[in-house]
Amino acid sequence: MLSYYGEIVSRTATLRRLIEAGGTIAGLGYGEQQELTTLDQAEQTLFGVTQRQRGADFVPLSTVVQQYFDRAQRDEDERVVPTGLLDLDRRLNGGLRPGQLALLAARPGLGKSGLAMTIAHTLGVQKGRSAGVVSLEMSRDELLQRLVAVHTGIDTRQVEGRVRRGDPVALDALGVLSEAHIAIEDSAMLSVMDVRSKARRLATVRPLDLLIVDYLQLLIGDTNAMNRVDEVSKISRQLKLLARELQCPILALSQLSRAVEQRASKVPQLSDLRDSGALEQDADIVLFIYREEVYDEATDQAGLAELHLAKQRNGPLGVVPVRFDAPTTRFLNLSSYEAPAGY
């Protein structure tokens, strides 16, 4: 009986929120804001109703404690998004977490997209979880070739030819990937509001475990921004808010400024983040890729890469050595590396 009346109360509350949302959307229709802003606000209003996310401004600490305890009791795999790189996951205390904005930054050609696809493959294929990929630079076919290469070890340049010839290894990989919960959006011109809208719709079909944006500087920002720095600042802030709204981590790829090339040491620094210091401020995690072989052909570090964890709000910083397989653009665990005690 109690559950029956509880359902009535819940249904009535939902209808009341829907009526309020209708009034809000009608008001937006009479306003003078820009079309994209109006549509985004209207969609956000409806999304709030469908997700039943309306709550009090302040939450009692007793509620916070209970919710925290409940989350802590869940299986770790339900909350944490592993990268598949064991030493990096140790540094991240298991992986990325819901609501986090993680920046993956490097100069062009060092493997940002390769690392992102390595993580997407780990999540979508090995773990059976869901990932959305927003690619503003590469087409969906190029991303698929990267995923096939990661899955099989086939050179990315040979994937298409081997598929055409009916190579069983390549065809088997396509079959496996077709079952993975990885969705790709490869429109060339997208704003943050477009990404938000598409991610919301994707999340209503299946809860998102990870959203990848490749790459941040190609997103169209606020047309009213005073300058590029202001525009990128707003983009990073909106991505952070989206991560919290969807309750999944967002991995945003980012370019670095040319200042890296002008120094004797080519190791990236936080100050090298391109276009805005707000990127460093908004991000919960900042990860750089550094490969010695790119700058010194005579190095004995060929085939190796370093992942520099330059910022982490709730964990240690440091350098994680990994293997980089250039033909497949995939990143692999460095099996010969032994982590220090307590790492």
C-alpha atoms as a PDB file:
ATOM      1  CA  MET A   1       0.000   0.000   0.000  1.00  0.00           C
ATOM      2  CA  LEU A   2       2.794   2.395   0.914  1.00  0.00           C
ATOM      3  CA  SER A   3       4.590   1.701  -2.364  1.00  0.00           C
ATOM      4  CA  TYR A   4       1.332   2.384  -4.253  1.00  0.00           C
ATOM      5  CA  TYR A   5       0.914   5.820  -2.708  1.00  0.00           C
ATOM      6  CA  GLY A   6       4.615   6.451  -3.110  1.00  0.00           C
ATOM      7  CA  GLU A   7       4.304   5.893  -6.860  1.00  0.00           C
ATOM      8  CA  ILE A   8       1.387   8.357  -6.997  1.00  0.00           C
ATOM      9  CA  VAL A   9       3.431  11.019  -5.218  1.00  0.00           C
ATOM     10  CA  SER A  10       6.419  10.413  -7.488  1.00  0.00           C
ATOM     11  CA  ARG A  11       4.318  10.520 -10.660  1.00  0.00           C
ATOM     12  CA  THR A  12       2.537  13.699  -9.563  1.00  0.00           C
ATOM     13  CA  ALA A  13       5.859  15.356  -8.752  1.00  0.00           C
ATOM     14  CA  THR A  14       7.187  14.452 -12.203  1.00  0.00           C
ATOM     15  CA  LEU A  15       4.110  15.915 -13.894  1.00  0.00           C
ATOM     16  CA  ARG A  16       4.448  19.087 -11.835  1.00  0.00           C
ATOM     17  CA  ARG A  17       8.077  19.444 -12.909  1.00  0.00           C
ATOM     18  CA  LEU A  18       7.040  18.864 -16.512  1.00  0.00           C
ATOM     19  CA  ILE A  19       4.452  21.668 -16.287  1.00  0.00           C
ATOM     20  CA  GLU A  20       7.064  23.992 -14.805  1.00  0.00           C
ATOM     21  CA  ALA A  21       9.525  23.023 -17.538  1.00  0.00           C
ATOM     22  CA  GLY A  22       6.890  23.791 -20.183  1.00  0.00           C
ATOM     23  CA  GLY A  23       6.431  27.264 -18.803  1.00  0.00           C
ATOM     24  CA  THR A  24      10.176  27.833 -18.710  1.00  0.00           C
ATOM     25  CA  ILE A  25      10.611  26.682 -22.308  1.00  0.00           C
ATOM     26  CA  ALA A  26       7.717  28.873 -23.450  1.00  0.00           C
ATOM     27  CA  GLY A  27       9.420  31.844 -21.814  1.00  0.00           C
ATOM     28  CA  LEU A  28      12.635  31.040 -23.642  1.00  0.00           C
ATOM     29  CA  GLY A  29      10.707  31.044 -26.917  1.00  0.00           C
ATOM     30  CA  TYR A  30       9.632  34.627 -26.333  1.00  0.00           C
ATOM     31  CA  GLY A  31      13.127  35.739 -25.334  1.00  0.00           C
ATOM     32  CA  GLU A  32      15.741  37.418 -27.486  1.00  0.00           C
ATOM     33  CA  GLN A  33      18.680  35.125 -26.846  1.00  0.00           C
ATOM     34  CA  GLN A  34      20.647  33.469 -29.613  1.00  0.00           C
ATOM     35  CA  GLU A  35      19.030  30.367 -31.105  1.00  0.00           C
ATOM     36  CA  LEU A  36      21.733  27.917 -29.981  1.00  0.00           C
ATOM     37  CA  THR A  37      21.668  29.225 -26.413  1.00  0.00           C
ATOM     38  CA  THR A  38      17.866  29.017 -26.296  1.00  0.00           C
ATOM     39  CA  LEU A  39      17.802  25.459 -27.636  1.00  0.00           C
ATOM     40  CA  ASP A  40      20.470  24.354 -25.187  1.00  0.00           C
ATOM     41  CA  GLN A  41      18.616  25.850 -22.224  1.00  0.00           C
ATOM     42  CA  ALA A  42      15.353  24.250 -23.350  1.00  0.00           C
ATOM     43  CA  GLU A  43      16.991  20.844 -23.736  1.00  0.00           C
ATOM     44  CA  GLN A  44      18.692  21.147 -20.363  1.00  0.00           C
ATOM     45  CA  THR A  45      15.345  21.957 -18.752  1.00  0.00           C
ATOM     46  CA  LEU A  46      13.741  18.824 -20.214  1.00  0.00           C
ATOM     47  CA  PHE A  47      16.789  16.720 -19.398  1.00  0.00           C
ATOM     48  CA  GLY A  48      16.478  17.788 -15.771  1.00  0.00           C
ATOM     49  CA  VAL A  49      12.902  16.494 -15.706  1.00  0.00           C
ATOM     50  CA  THR A  50      13.682  13.149 -17.361  1.00  0.00           C
ATOM     51  CA  GLN A  51      16.624  12.499 -15.070  1.00  0.00           C
ATOM     52  CA  ARG A  52      14.738  13.720 -11.963  1.00  0.00           C
ATOM     53  CA  GLN A  53      17.709  15.797 -10.963  1.00  0.00           C
ATOM     54  CA  ARG A  54      15.924  18.620  -9.258  1.00  0.00           C
ATOM     55  CA  GLY A  55      16.985  18.811  -5.633  1.00  0.00           C
ATOM     56  CA  ALA A  56      17.593  21.132  -2.738  1.00  0.00           C
ATOM     57  CA  ASP A  57      20.262  23.800  -2.909  1.00  0.00           C
ATOM     58  CA  PHE A  58      21.914  22.412   0.219  1.00  0.00           C
ATOM     59  CA  VAL A  59      22.229  18.744   1.131  1.00  0.00           C
ATOM     60  CA  PRO A  60      22.393  17.694   4.805  1.00  0.00           C
ATOM     61  CA  LEU A  61      25.714  16.092   5.737  1.00  0.00           C
ATOM     62  CA  SER A  62      23.828  13.011   6.921  1.00  0.00           C
ATOM     63  CA  THR A  63      22.599  12.505   3.333  1.00  0.00           C
ATOM     64  CA  VAL A  64      26.095  13.081   1.954  1.00  0.00           C
ATOM     65  CA  VAL A  65      27.487  10.481   4.365  1.00  0.00           C
ATOM     66  CA  GLN A  66      24.846   7.911   3.394  1.00  0.00           C
ATOM     67  CA  GLN A  67      25.319   8.452  -0.340  1.00  0.00           C
ATOM     68  CA  TYR A  68      29.099   8.292   0.035  1.00  0.00           C
ATOM     69  CA  PHE A  69      28.827   5.051   2.021  1.00  0.00           C
ATOM     70  CA  ASP A  70      26.496   3.520  -0.570  1.00  0.00           C
ATOM     71  CA  ARG A  71      28.898   4.398  -3.407  1.00  0.00           C
ATOM     72  CA  ALA A  72      31.849   3.012  -1.468  1.00  0.00           C
ATOM     73  CA  GLN A  73      30.060  -0.314  -1.082  1.00  0.00           C
ATOM     74  CA  ARG A  74      29.582  -0.772  -4.803  1.00  0.00           C
ATOM     75  CA  ASP A  75      31.902  -2.858  -6.920  1.00  0.00           C
ATOM     76  CA  GLU A  76      34.948  -0.764  -7.810  1.00  0.00           C
ATOM     77  CA  ASP A  77      34.453  -1.610 -11.500  1.00  0.00           C
ATOM     78  CA  GLU A  78      31.088   0.159 -11.465  1.00  0.00           C
ATOM     79  CA  ARG A  79      32.609   3.519 -10.565  1.00  0.00           C
ATOM     80  CA  VAL A  80      36.182   3.621 -11.827  1.00  0.00           C
ATOM     81  CA  VAL A  81      37.154   3.783 -15.507  1.00  0.00           C
ATOM     82  CA  PRO A  82      40.479   1.963 -16.021  1.00  0.00           C
ATOM     83  CA  THR A  83      42.888   3.044 -18.736  1.00  0.00           C
ATOM     84  CA  GLY A  84      44.280  -0.452 -19.198  1.00  0.00           C
ATOM     85  CA  LEU A  85      47.796   0.793 -18.440  1.00  0.00           C
ATOM     86  CA  LEU A  86      48.420  -0.811 -15.069  1.00  0.00           C
ATOM     87  CA  ASP A  87      51.029   1.567 -13.705  1.00  0.00           C
ATOM     88  CA  LEU A  88      48.977   4.590 -14.724  1.00  0.00           C
ATOM     89  CA  ASP A  89      45.880   3.087 -13.108  1.00  0.00           C
ATOM     90  CA  ARG A  90      47.846   2.602  -9.898  1.00  0.00           C
ATOM     91  CA  ARG A  91      48.748   6.281  -9.921  1.00  0.00           C
ATOM     92  CA  LEU A  92      45.092   7.147 -10.530  1.00  0.00           C
ATOM     93  CA  ASN A  93      43.955   4.836  -7.728  1.00  0.00           C
ATOM     94  CA  GLY A  94      42.262   2.540 -10.203  1.00  0.00           C
ATOM     95  CA  GLY A  95      41.455   4.898 -13.068  1.00  0.00           C
ATOM     96  CA  LEU A  96      39.292   7.875 -13.972  1.00  0.00           C
ATOM     97  CA  ARG A  97      36.239   8.698 -11.876  1.00  0.00           C
ATOM     98  CA  PRO A  98      32.736  10.042 -12.568  1.00  0.00           C
ATOM     99  CA  GLY A  99      32.587  13.826 -12.904  1.00  0.00           C
ATOM    100  CA  GLN A 100      36.293  14.263 -13.602  1.00  0.00           C
ATOM    101  CA  LEU A 101      37.680  16.307 -16.483  1.00  0.00           C
ATOM    102  CA  ALA A 102      40.975  14.752 -17.581  1.00  0.00           C
ATOM    103  CA  LEU A 103      43.224  16.507 -20.095  1.00  0.00           C
ATOM    104  CA  LEU A 104      45.543  14.459 -22.306  1.00  0.00           C
ATOM    105  CA  ALA A 105      47.998  16.847 -23.915  1.00  0.00           C
ATOM    106  CA  ALA A 106      50.988  16.582 -26.231  1.00  0.00           C
ATOM    107  CA  ARG A 107      52.514  18.124 -29.319  1.00  0.00           C
ATOM    108  CA  PRO A 108      51.137  16.863 -32.675  1.00  0.00           C
ATOM    109  CA  GLY A 109      52.181  13.347 -33.658  1.00  0.00           C
ATOM    110  CA  LEU A 110      53.103  12.050 -30.218  1.00  0.00           C
ATOM    111  CA  GLY A 111      50.127   9.696 -29.895  1.00  0.00           C
ATOM    112  CA  LYS A 112      47.227  11.503 -28.182  1.00  0.00           C
ATOM    113  CA  SER A 113      44.579   9.847 -30.350  1.00  0.00           C
ATOM    114  CA  GLY A 114      46.367   6.512 -30.096  1.00  0.00           C
ATOM    115  CA  LEU A 115      46.274   6.617 -26.304  1.00  0.00           C
ATOM    116  CA  ALA A 116      42.626   7.682 -26.349  1.00  0.00           C
ATOM    117  CA  MET A 117      41.727   4.735 -28.611  1.00  0.00           C
ATOM    118  CA  THR A 118      43.754   2.397 -26.421  1.00  0.00           C
ATOM    119  CA  ILE A 119      41.646   3.490 -23.438  1.00  0.00           C
ATOM    120  CA  ALA A 120      38.398   3.270 -25.446  1.00  0.00           C
ATOM    121  CA  HIS A 121      39.303  -0.279 -26.520  1.00  0.00           C
ATOM    122  CA  THR A 122      40.065  -1.294 -22.938  1.00  0.00           C
ATOM    123  CA  LEU A 123      36.726   0.032 -21.767  1.00  0.00           C
ATOM    124  CA  GLY A 124      34.472  -0.988 -24.655  1.00  0.00           C
ATOM    125  CA  VAL A 125      35.977  -4.355 -25.614  1.00  0.00           C
ATOM    126  CA  GLN A 126      37.844  -5.730 -22.621  1.00  0.00           C
ATOM    127  CA  LYS A 127      35.529  -4.390 -19.900  1.00  0.00           C
ATOM    128  CA  GLY A 128      32.226  -4.424 -21.808  1.00  0.00           C
ATOM    129  CA  ARG A 129      31.412  -0.861 -20.760  1.00  0.00           C
ATOM    130  CA  SER A 130      30.390   2.193 -22.799  1.00  0.00           C
ATOM    131  CA  ALA A 131      32.391   5.024 -24.324  1.00  0.00           C
ATOM    132  CA  GLY A 132      31.461   7.946 -26.547  1.00  0.00           C
ATOM    133  CA  VAL A 133      34.077   9.441 -28.871  1.00  0.00           C
ATOM    134  CA  VAL A 134      33.708  12.952 -30.296  1.00  0.00           C
ATOM    135  CA  SER A 135      36.290  13.273 -33.059  1.00  0.00           C
ATOM    136  CA  LEU A 136      36.714  16.661 -34.683  1.00  0.00           C
ATOM    137  CA  GLU A 137      39.952  15.734 -36.446  1.00  0.00           C
ATOM    138  CA  MET A 138      39.663  12.146 -37.717  1.00  0.00           C
ATOM    139  CA  SER A 139      36.795  10.398 -39.496  1.00  0.00           C
ATOM    140  CA  ARG A 140      34.943   7.437 -38.054  1.00  0.00           C
ATOM    141  CA  ASP A 141      36.719   5.132 -40.548  1.00  0.00           C
ATOM    142  CA  GLU A 142      40.119   6.340 -39.351  1.00  0.00           C
ATOM    143  CA  LEU A 143      39.099   5.774 -35.735  1.00  0.00           C
ATOM    144  CA  LEU A 144      37.860   2.291 -36.586  1.00  0.00           C
ATOM    145  CA  GLN A 145      41.195   1.497 -38.212  1.00  0.00           C
ATOM    146  CA  ARG A 146      42.934   2.647 -35.016  1.00  0.00           C
ATOM    147  CA  LEU A 147      40.690   0.378 -32.941  1.00  0.00           C
ATOM    148  CA  VAL A 148      41.338  -2.595 -35.247  1.00  0.00           C
ATOM    149  CA  ALA A 149      45.078  -1.933 -34.953  1.00  0.00           C
ATOM    150  CA  VAL A 150      44.859  -1.752 -31.168  1.00  0.00           C
ATOM    151  CA  HIS A 151      42.836  -4.973 -31.072  1.00  0.00           C
ATOM    152  CA  THR A 152      44.982  -7.019 -33.466  1.00  0.00           C
ATOM    153  CA  GLY A 153      48.424  -5.448 -33.629  1.00  0.00           C
ATOM    154  CA  ILE A 154      48.048  -4.898 -37.383  1.00  0.00           C
ATOM    155  CA  ASP A 155      49.764  -1.803 -38.777  1.00  0.00           C
ATOM    156  CA  THR A 156      47.125   0.926 -39.178  1.00  0.00           C
ATOM    157  CA  ARG A 157      48.261   1.429 -42.799  1.00  0.00           C
ATOM    158  CA  GLN A 158      47.516  -2.212 -43.585  1.00  0.00           C
ATOM    159  CA  VAL A 159      44.100  -2.538 -41.944  1.00  0.00           C
ATOM    160  CA  GLU A 160      41.997  -1.493 -44.936  1.00  0.00           C
ATOM    161  CA  GLY A 161      43.925  -3.707 -47.369  1.00  0.00           C
ATOM    162  CA  ARG A 162      43.655  -6.751 -45.122  1.00  0.00           C
ATOM    163  CA  VAL A 163      39.920  -6.200 -44.670  1.00  0.00           C
ATOM    164  CA  ARG A 164      39.549  -5.922 -48.468  1.00  0.00           C
ATOM    165  CA  ARG A 165      41.418  -9.214 -48.937  1.00  0.00           C
ATOM    166  CA  GLY A 166      39.214 -10.954 -46.387  1.00  0.00           C
ATOM    167  CA  ASP A 167      41.964 -11.461 -43.811  1.00  0.00           C
ATOM    168  CA  PRO A 168      40.325 -13.534 -41.019  1.00  0.00           C
ATOM    169  CA  VAL A 169      42.176 -11.691 -38.252  1.00  0.00           C
ATOM    170  CA  ALA A 170      40.969  -8.298 -39.452  1.00  0.00           C
ATOM    171  CA  LEU A 171      37.430  -9.535 -40.095  1.00  0.00           C
ATOM    172  CA  ASP A 172      37.266 -11.138 -36.660  1.00  0.00           C
ATOM    173  CA  ALA A 173      38.333  -7.826 -35.134  1.00  0.00           C
ATOM    174  CA  LEU A 174      35.533  -6.024 -36.968  1.00  0.00           C
ATOM    175  CA  GLY A 175      33.078  -8.545 -35.567  1.00  0.00           C
ATOM    176  CA  VAL A 176      34.304  -8.039 -32.014  1.00  0.00           C
ATOM    177  CA  LEU A 177      34.301  -4.249 -32.328  1.00  0.00           C
ATOM    178  CA  SER A 178      30.775  -4.237 -33.766  1.00  0.00           C
ATOM    179  CA  GLU A 179      29.578  -5.680 -30.437  1.00  0.00           C
ATOM    180  CA  ALA A 180      31.413  -3.078 -28.334  1.00  0.00           C
ATOM    181  CA  HIS A 181      29.503  -0.197 -26.774  1.00  0.00           C
ATOM    182  CA  ILE A 182      31.626   2.497 -28.426  1.00  0.00           C
ATOM    183  CA  ALA A 183      29.768   5.304 -30.212  1.00  0.00           C
ATOM    184  CA  ILE A 184      31.499   7.790 -32.551  1.00  0.00           C
ATOM    185  CA  GLU A 185      30.511  11.322 -33.543  1.00  0.00           C
ATOM    186  CA  ASP A 186      32.831  12.667 -36.253  1.00  0.00           C
ATOM    187  CA  SER A 187      31.184  15.911 -37.372  1.00  0.00           C
ATOM    188  CA  ALA A 188      33.887  18.442 -38.202  1.00  0.00           C
ATOM    189  CA  MET A 189      32.139  21.530 -36.824  1.00  0.00           C
ATOM    190  CA  LEU A 190      30.767  21.086 -33.314  1.00  0.00           C
ATOM    191  CA  SER A 191      30.213  23.479 -30.444  1.00  0.00           C
ATOM    192  CA  VAL A 192      30.303  22.502 -26.788  1.00  0.00           C
ATOM    193  CA  MET A 193      26.511  22.773 -26.786  1.00  0.00           C
ATOM    194  CA  ASP A 194      26.377  20.280 -29.673  1.00  0.00           C
ATOM    195  CA  VAL A 195      28.577  17.875 -27.723  1.00  0.00           C
ATOM    196  CA  ARG A 196      26.421  18.306 -24.636  1.00  0.00           C
ATOM    197  CA  SER A 197      23.230  17.656 -26.574  1.00  0.00           C
ATOM    198  CA  LYS A 198      24.587  14.554 -28.330  1.00  0.00           C
ATOM    199  CA  ALA A 199      26.114  13.174 -25.127  1.00  0.00           C
ATOM    200  CA  ARG A 200      22.847  13.604 -23.257  1.00  0.00           C
ATOM    201  CA  ARG A 201      20.946  11.680 -25.915  1.00  0.00           C
ATOM    202  CA  LEU A 202      23.586   8.941 -25.959  1.00  0.00           C
ATOM    203  CA  ALA A 203      23.415   8.659 -22.163  1.00  0.00           C
ATOM    204  CA  THR A 204      19.652   8.117 -22.275  1.00  0.00           C
ATOM    205  CA  VAL A 205      20.194   5.023 -24.469  1.00  0.00           C
ATOM    206  CA  ARG A 206      22.940   3.558 -22.297  1.00  0.00           C
ATOM    207  CA  PRO A 207      24.695   5.223 -19.333  1.00  0.00           C
ATOM    208  CA  LEU A 208      28.064   6.584 -20.415  1.00  0.00           C
ATOM    209  CA  ASP A 209      31.189   5.391 -18.643  1.00  0.00           C
ATOM    210  CA  LEU A 210      33.557   7.707 -20.563  1.00  0.00           C
ATOM    211  CA  LEU A 211      33.333  10.550 -23.058  1.00  0.00           C
ATOM    212  CA  ILE A 212      36.400  11.311 -25.205  1.00  0.00           C
ATOM    213  CA  VAL A 213      36.772  14.656 -27.008  1.00  0.00           C
ATOM    214  CA  ASP A 214      39.465  14.795 -29.723  1.00  0.00           C
ATOM    215  CA  TYR A 215      40.423  17.538 -29.494  1.00  0.00           C
ATOM    216  CA  LEU A 216      39.417  20.470 -27.301  1.00  0.00           C
ATOM    217  CA  GLN A 217      40.845  23.341 -29.368  1.00  0.00           C
ATOM    218  CA  LEU A 218      38.752  22.326 -32.404  1.00  0.00           C
ATOM    219  CA  LEU A 219      35.470  22.851 -30.572  1.00  0.00           C
ATOM    220  CA  ILE A 220      33.520  25.967 -31.475  1.00  0.00           C
ATOM    221  CA  GLY A 221      33.227  28.123 -28.381  1.00  0.00           C
ATOM    222  CA  ASP A 222      31.157  31.100 -27.370  1.00  0.00           C
ATOM    223  CA  THR A 223      30.912  33.494 -30.325  1.00  0.00           C
ATOM    224  CA  ASN A 224      30.630  36.363 -27.830  1.00  0.00           C
ATOM    225  CA  ALA A 225      33.988  35.555 -26.238  1.00  0.00           C
ATOM    226  CA  MET A 226      36.356  38.500 -26.083  1.00  0.00           C
ATOM    227  CA  ASN A 227      39.327  36.518 -27.400  1.00  0.00           C
ATOM    228  CA  ARG A 228      40.608  32.997 -27.964  1.00  0.00           C
ATOM    229  CA  VAL A 229      41.780  32.625 -24.381  1.00  0.00           C
ATOM    230  CA  ASP A 230      38.321  33.554 -23.111  1.00  0.00           C
ATOM    231  CA  GLU A 231      36.715  31.177 -25.619  1.00  0.00           C
ATOM    232  CA  VAL A 232      38.853  28.186 -24.568  1.00  0.00           C
ATOM    233  CA  SER A 233      38.276  29.036 -20.904  1.00  0.00           C
ATOM    234  CA  LYS A 234      34.527  28.761 -21.439  1.00  0.00           C
ATOM    235  CA  ILE A 235      34.921  25.514 -23.368  1.00  0.00           C
ATOM    236  CA  SER A 236      36.911  23.869 -20.578  1.00  0.00           C
ATOM    237  CA  ARG A 237      34.455  25.060 -17.937  1.00  0.00           C
ATOM    238  CA  GLN A 238      31.484  23.729 -19.909  1.00  0.00           C
ATOM    239  CA  LEU A 239      33.186  20.351 -20.370  1.00  0.00           C
ATOM    240  CA  LYS A 240      33.789  20.159 -16.620  1.00  0.00           C
ATOM    241  CA  LEU A 241      30.125  20.916 -15.942  1.00  0.00           C
ATOM    242  CA  LEU A 242      29.098  18.305 -18.511  1.00  0.00           C
ATOM    243  CA  ALA A 243      31.248  15.660 -16.778  1.00  0.00           C
ATOM    244  CA  ARG A 244      29.433  16.374 -13.527  1.00  0.00           C
ATOM    245  CA  GLU A 245      26.034  16.398 -15.215  1.00  0.00           C
ATOM    246  CA  LEU A 246      26.559  13.046 -16.963  1.00  0.00           C
ATOM    247  CA  GLN A 247      28.394  11.618 -13.955  1.00  0.00           C
ATOM    248  CA  CYS A 248      31.113  10.151 -16.122  1.00  0.00           C
ATOM    249  CA  PRO A 249      34.707  11.216 -16.734  1.00  0.00           C
ATOM    250  CA  ILE A 250      35.524  13.263 -19.822  1.00  0.00           C
ATOM    251  CA  LEU A 251      38.910  12.717 -21.444  1.00  0.00           C
ATOM    252  CA  ALA A 252      39.631  15.834 -23.499  1.00  0.00           C
ATOM    253  CA  LEU A 253      42.652  15.831 -25.794  1.00  0.00           C
ATOM    254  CA  SER A 254      44.544  19.097 -26.017  1.00  0.00           C
ATOM    255  CA  GLN A 255      47.348  20.621 -28.028  1.00  0.00           C
ATOM    256  CA  LEU A 256      50.422  22.170 -26.429  1.00  0.00           C
ATOM    257  CA  SER A 257      51.947  25.482 -27.382  1.00  0.00           C
ATOM    258  CA  ARG A 258      55.132  25.698 -29.449  1.00  0.00           C
ATOM    259  CA  ALA A 259      57.011  26.818 -26.347  1.00  0.00           C
ATOM    260  CA  VAL A 260      57.923  23.164 -25.827  1.00  0.00           C
ATOM    261  CA  GLU A 261      59.938  23.128 -29.045  1.00  0.00           C
ATOM    262  CA  GLN A 262      61.874  26.239 -28.078  1.00  0.00           C
ATOM    263  CA  ARG A 263      63.281  24.857 -24.814  1.00  0.00           C
ATOM    264  CA  ALA A 264      66.313  22.672 -24.347  1.00  0.00           C
ATOM    265  CA  SER A 265      64.154  20.247 -22.385  1.00  0.00           C
ATOM    266  CA  LYS A 266      61.181  19.085 -24.445  1.00  0.00           C
ATOM    267  CA  VAL A 267      59.338  17.641 -21.440  1.00  0.00           C
ATOM    268  CA  PRO A 268      55.899  19.358 -21.291  1.00  0.00           C
ATOM    269  CA  GLN A 269      54.877  21.612 -18.425  1.00  0.00           C
ATOM    270  CA  LEU A 270      51.481  22.863 -17.251  1.00  0.00           C
ATOM    271  CA  SER A 271      52.332  26.302 -18.603  1.00  0.00           C
ATOM    272  CA  ASP A 272      52.521  24.761 -22.104  1.00  0.00           C
ATOM    273  CA  LEU A 273      48.765  24.097 -22.257  1.00  0.00           C
ATOM    274  CA  ARG A 274      47.636  25.967 -25.328  1.00  0.00           C
ATOM    275  CA  ASP A 275      45.367  29.036 -25.377  1.00  0.00           C
ATOM    276  CA  SER A 276      44.310  29.207 -21.754  1.00  0.00           C
ATOM    277  CA  GLY A 277      45.441  28.801 -18.163  1.00  0.00           C
ATOM    278  CA  ALA A 278      41.853  27.837 -17.365  1.00  0.00           C
ATOM    279  CA  LEU A 279      42.588  24.370 -18.769  1.00  0.00           C
ATOM    280  CA  GLU A 280      44.952  23.737 -15.879  1.00  0.00           C
ATOM    281  CA  GLN A 281      42.466  25.210 -13.422  1.00  0.00           C
ATOM    282  CA  ASP A 282      39.366  23.274 -14.555  1.00  0.00           C
ATOM    283  CA  ALA A 283      40.999  19.904 -15.145  1.00  0.00           C
ATOM    284  CA  ASP A 284      41.068  17.348 -12.342  1.00  0.00           C
ATOM    285  CA  ILE A 285      43.829  15.433 -14.113  1.00  0.00           C
ATOM    286  CA  VAL A 286      46.441  16.611 -16.601  1.00  0.00           C
ATOM    287  CA  LEU A 287      48.446  13.963 -18.433  1.00  0.00           C
ATOM    288  CA  PHE A 288      51.285  14.681 -20.864  1.00  0.00           C
ATOM    289  CA  ILE A 289      52.858  12.337 -23.422  1.00  0.00           C
ATOM    290  CA  TYR A 290      56.612  12.574 -23.921  1.00  0.00           C
ATOM    291  CA  ARG A 291      58.674  10.444 -26.324  1.00  0.00           C
ATOM    292  CA  GLU A 292      62.419  10.962 -26.376  1.00  0.00           C
ATOM    293  CA  GLU A 293      62.780   9.347 -29.822  1.00  0.00           C
ATOM    294  CA  VAL A 294      60.793  12.181 -31.417  1.00  0.00           C
ATOM    295  CA  TYR A 295      63.513  14.665 -30.493  1.00  0.00           C
ATOM    296  CA  ASP A 296      66.613  12.432 -30.552  1.00  0.00           C
ATOM    297  CA  GLU A 297      66.891   9.743 -33.221  1.00  0.00           C
ATOM    298  CA  ALA A 298      70.015   8.326 -31.581  1.00  0.00           C
ATOM    299  CA  THR A 299      68.320   7.710 -28.234  1.00  0.00           C
ATOM    300  CA  ASP A 300      68.197   4.265 -26.672  1.00  0.00           C
ATOM    301  CA  GLN A 301      64.578   4.978 -25.669  1.00  0.00           C
ATOM    302  CA  ALA A 302      63.069   4.025 -29.045  1.00  0.00           C
ATOM    303  CA  GLY A 303      59.658   2.440 -28.633  1.00  0.00           C
ATOM    304  CA  LEU A 304      59.224   3.894 -25.167  1.00  0.00           C
ATOM    305  CA  ALA A 305      57.058   6.735 -23.934  1.00  0.00           C
ATOM    306  CA  GLU A 306      56.565   8.574 -20.688  1.00  0.00           C
ATOM    307  CA  LEU A 307      53.157   9.596 -19.355  1.00  0.00           C
ATOM    308  CA  HIS A 308      53.672  12.602 -17.114  1.00  0.00           C
ATOM    309  CA  LEU A 309      50.915  12.965 -14.546  1.00  0.00           C
ATOM    310  CA  ALA A 310      51.333  16.708 -14.020  1.00  0.00           C
ATOM    311  CA  LYS A 311      48.130  17.336 -12.067  1.00  0.00           C
ATOM    312  CA  GLN A 312      45.843  15.145 -10.002  1.00  0.00           C
ATOM    313  CA  ARG A 313      43.520  16.693  -7.443  1.00  0.00           C
ATOM    314  CA  ASN A 314      43.328  13.634  -5.224  1.00  0.00           C
ATOM    315  CA  GLY A 315      46.469  11.666  -5.832  1.00  0.00           C
ATOM    316  CA  PRO A 316      50.221  11.641  -6.451  1.00  0.00           C
ATOM    317  CA  LEU A 317      52.008  13.067  -9.459  1.00  0.00           C
ATOM    318  CA  GLY A 318      54.813  11.366 -11.325  1.00  0.00           C
ATOM    319  CA  VAL A 319      56.043   9.723 -14.504  1.00  0.00           C
ATOM    320  CA  VAL A 320      54.712   6.419 -15.839  1.00  0.00           C
ATOM    321  CA  PRO A 321      56.884   4.646 -18.441  1.00  0.00           C
ATOM    322  CA  VAL A 322      55.000   2.664 -21.104  1.00  0.00           C
ATOM    323  CA  ARG A 323      55.660   1.126 -24.498  1.00  0.00           C
ATOM    324  CA  PHE A 324      54.521   2.868 -27.669  1.00  0.00           C
ATOM    325  CA  ASP A 325      54.007   0.797 -30.797  1.00  0.00           C
ATOM    326  CA  ALA A 326      54.151   3.328 -33.635  1.00  0.00           C
ATOM    327  CA  PRO A 327      52.706   1.104 -36.424  1.00  0.00           C
ATOM    328  CA  THR A 328      49.512   0.496 -34.421  1.00  0.00           C
ATOM    329  CA  THR A 329      49.624   3.758 -32.383  1.00  0.00           C
ATOM    330  CA  ARG A 330      48.769   1.735 -29.287  1.00  0.00           C
ATOM    331  CA  PHE A 331      50.234   2.116 -25.823  1.00  0.00           C
ATOM    332  CA  LEU A 332      51.223  -1.015 -23.905  1.00  0.00           C
ATOM    333  CA  ASN A 333      52.214  -1.883 -20.366  1.00  0.00           C
ATOM    334  CA  LEU A 334      55.942  -1.906 -19.768  1.00  0.00           C
ATOM    335  CA  SER A 335      56.167  -5.437 -18.394  1.00  0.00           C
ATOM    336  CA  SER A 336      59.808  -5.124 -17.382  1.00  0.00           C
ATOM    337  CA  TYR A 337      59.059  -2.100 -15.219  1.00  0.00           C
ATOM    338  CA  GLU A 338      58.715  -2.785 -11.496  1.00  0.00           C
ATOM    339  CA  ALA A 339      56.897  -0.189  -9.455  1.00  0.00           C
ATOM    340  CA  PRO A 340      58.661   1.080  -6.313  1.00  0.00           C
ATOM    341  CA  ALA A 341      57.388  -0.106  -2.964  1.00  0.00           C
ATOM    342  CA  GLY A 342      54.186   1.641  -1.976  1.00  0.00           C
ATOM    343  CA  TYR A 343      53.513   2.817  -5.531  1.00  0.00           C
END
